[in-house]
Amino acid sequence: MDTRIALIGIVLDSTRSVDELNRLLSEYGSYIIGRMGIPYREKNLSIISIAMDAPADAISALSGKLGMLPGVSTKTIYAKTK
């Protein structure tokens, strides 16, 4: 199975989707290398970065599912090397 290294950046502007976001991250947990969350209290935002080593379709699927959640914005970048 060919995998890619990617980073998914997530910005939450409300807490209404936190449970579903955590459920999705648990579902894809076997592909997640690491996770960092930063609460930005002054702006009432949460910023999360997810590092993954996964097949491209799994990365795309997770990013797409996260991006459809209310109050969640995502952006995915891929490493140039495989």
C-alpha atoms as a PDB file:
ATOM      1  CA  MET A   1       0.000   0.000   0.000  1.00  0.00           C
ATOM      2  CA  ASP A   2       1.447   3.339  -1.099  1.00  0.00           C
ATOM      3  CA  THR A   3       1.131   6.034   1.552  1.00  0.00           C
ATOM      4  CA  ARG A   4       1.669   9.792   1.653  1.00  0.00           C
ATOM      5  CA  ILE A   5       2.768  12.125   4.420  1.00  0.00           C
ATOM      6  CA  ALA A   6       0.311  14.964   4.956  1.00  0.00           C
ATOM      7  CA  LEU A   7      -0.635  17.670   7.398  1.00  0.00           C
ATOM      8  CA  ILE A   8      -4.266  18.625   7.913  1.00  0.00           C
ATOM      9  CA  GLY A   9      -4.770  22.070   9.434  1.00  0.00           C
ATOM     10  CA  ILE A  10      -8.103  22.506  11.210  1.00  0.00           C
ATOM     11  CA  VAL A  11      -9.688  25.692  12.562  1.00  0.00           C
ATOM     12  CA  LEU A  12     -12.781  25.423  14.763  1.00  0.00           C
ATOM     13  CA  ASP A  13     -14.791  28.571  15.295  1.00  0.00           C
ATOM     14  CA  SER A  14     -17.294  26.932  17.653  1.00  0.00           C
ATOM     15  CA  THR A  15     -17.538  23.892  19.894  1.00  0.00           C
ATOM     16  CA  ARG A  16     -20.662  22.376  18.322  1.00  0.00           C
ATOM     17  CA  SER A  17     -18.709  19.885  16.162  1.00  0.00           C
ATOM     18  CA  VAL A  18     -16.050  18.823  18.677  1.00  0.00           C
ATOM     19  CA  ASP A  19     -17.584  15.408  19.428  1.00  0.00           C
ATOM     20  CA  GLU A  20     -17.932  14.486  15.744  1.00  0.00           C
ATOM     21  CA  LEU A  21     -14.430  15.818  14.983  1.00  0.00           C
ATOM     22  CA  ASN A  22     -12.941  13.639  17.731  1.00  0.00           C
ATOM     23  CA  ARG A  23     -14.947  10.628  16.507  1.00  0.00           C
ATOM     24  CA  LEU A  24     -13.536  11.066  12.987  1.00  0.00           C
ATOM     25  CA  LEU A  25      -9.990  11.446  14.287  1.00  0.00           C
ATOM     26  CA  SER A  26     -10.421   8.246  16.298  1.00  0.00           C
ATOM     27  CA  GLU A  27     -11.765   6.461  13.219  1.00  0.00           C
ATOM     28  CA  TYR A  28      -8.617   7.408  11.259  1.00  0.00           C
ATOM     29  CA  GLY A  29      -6.329   7.037  14.299  1.00  0.00           C
ATOM     30  CA  SER A  30      -4.237   4.252  12.801  1.00  0.00           C
ATOM     31  CA  TYR A  31      -2.973   6.728  10.169  1.00  0.00           C
ATOM     32  CA  ILE A  32      -2.310   9.639  12.536  1.00  0.00           C
ATOM     33  CA  ILE A  33       1.339  10.227  13.444  1.00  0.00           C
ATOM     34  CA  GLY A  34       0.655  13.118  15.804  1.00  0.00           C
ATOM     35  CA  ARG A  35      -1.817  15.796  16.795  1.00  0.00           C
ATOM     36  CA  MET A  36      -1.374  19.268  18.241  1.00  0.00           C
ATOM     37  CA  GLY A  37      -4.191  21.476  19.476  1.00  0.00           C
ATOM     38  CA  ILE A  38      -3.934  25.135  20.381  1.00  0.00           C
ATOM     39  CA  PRO A  39      -6.823  27.013  22.002  1.00  0.00           C
ATOM     40  CA  TYR A  40      -6.843  30.661  20.893  1.00  0.00           C
ATOM     41  CA  ARG A  41      -9.087  32.034  23.626  1.00  0.00           C
ATOM     42  CA  GLU A  42      -8.799  35.697  22.606  1.00  0.00           C
ATOM     43  CA  LYS A  43     -10.432  34.860  19.239  1.00  0.00           C
ATOM     44  CA  ASN A  44     -12.640  32.007  20.544  1.00  0.00           C
ATOM     45  CA  LEU A  45     -10.977  29.573  18.101  1.00  0.00           C
ATOM     46  CA  SER A  46      -9.220  26.243  18.318  1.00  0.00           C
ATOM     47  CA  ILE A  47      -6.397  25.374  15.943  1.00  0.00           C
ATOM     48  CA  ILE A  48      -5.483  21.722  15.406  1.00  0.00           C
ATOM     49  CA  SER A  49      -2.814  20.144  13.229  1.00  0.00           C
ATOM     50  CA  ILE A  50      -2.920  16.469  12.302  1.00  0.00           C
ATOM     51  CA  ALA A  51       0.161  14.746  10.849  1.00  0.00           C
ATOM     52  CA  MET A  52      -0.691  11.608   8.854  1.00  0.00           C
ATOM     53  CA  ASP A  53       0.998   8.773   6.995  1.00  0.00           C
ATOM     54  CA  ALA A  54      -1.826   7.232   4.977  1.00  0.00           C
ATOM     55  CA  PRO A  55      -3.075   6.348   1.519  1.00  0.00           C
ATOM     56  CA  ALA A  56      -4.043   9.505  -0.373  1.00  0.00           C
ATOM     57  CA  ASP A  57      -7.709   8.489  -0.454  1.00  0.00           C
ATOM     58  CA  ALA A  58      -7.815   8.136   3.357  1.00  0.00           C
ATOM     59  CA  ILE A  59      -6.253  11.590   3.812  1.00  0.00           C
ATOM     60  CA  SER A  60      -8.685  13.104   1.342  1.00  0.00           C
ATOM     61  CA  ALA A  61     -11.664  11.347   2.929  1.00  0.00           C
ATOM     62  CA  LEU A  62     -10.804  12.549   6.432  1.00  0.00           C
ATOM     63  CA  SER A  63     -10.146  16.096   5.282  1.00  0.00           C
ATOM     64  CA  GLY A  64     -13.418  16.174   3.354  1.00  0.00           C
ATOM     65  CA  LYS A  65     -15.458  14.793   6.250  1.00  0.00           C
ATOM     66  CA  LEU A  66     -13.905  17.281   8.656  1.00  0.00           C
ATOM     67  CA  GLY A  67     -14.505  20.180   6.281  1.00  0.00           C
ATOM     68  CA  MET A  68     -18.226  19.373   6.090  1.00  0.00           C
ATOM     69  CA  LEU A  69     -18.684  19.776   9.840  1.00  0.00           C
ATOM     70  CA  PRO A  70     -20.346  23.030  10.968  1.00  0.00           C
ATOM     71  CA  GLY A  71     -17.822  25.561  12.255  1.00  0.00           C
ATOM     72  CA  VAL A  72     -14.819  23.616  10.916  1.00  0.00           C
ATOM     73  CA  SER A  73     -12.373  24.754   8.213  1.00  0.00           C
ATOM     74  CA  THR A  74      -9.584  22.523   6.909  1.00  0.00           C
ATOM     75  CA  LYS A  75      -6.609  22.687   4.589  1.00  0.00           C
ATOM     76  CA  THR A  76      -4.389  19.751   3.634  1.00  0.00           C
ATOM     77  CA  ILE A  77      -0.795  19.860   2.469  1.00  0.00           C
ATOM     78  CA  TYR A  78       1.242  16.911   1.224  1.00  0.00           C
ATOM     79  CA  ALA A  79       4.964  16.262   1.510  1.00  0.00           C
ATOM     80  CA  LYS A  80       6.719  16.342  -1.846  1.00  0.00           C
ATOM     81  CA  THR A  81       8.370  12.992  -1.176  1.00  0.00           C
ATOM     82  CA  LYS A  82       6.520   9.747  -0.715  1.00  0.00           C
END
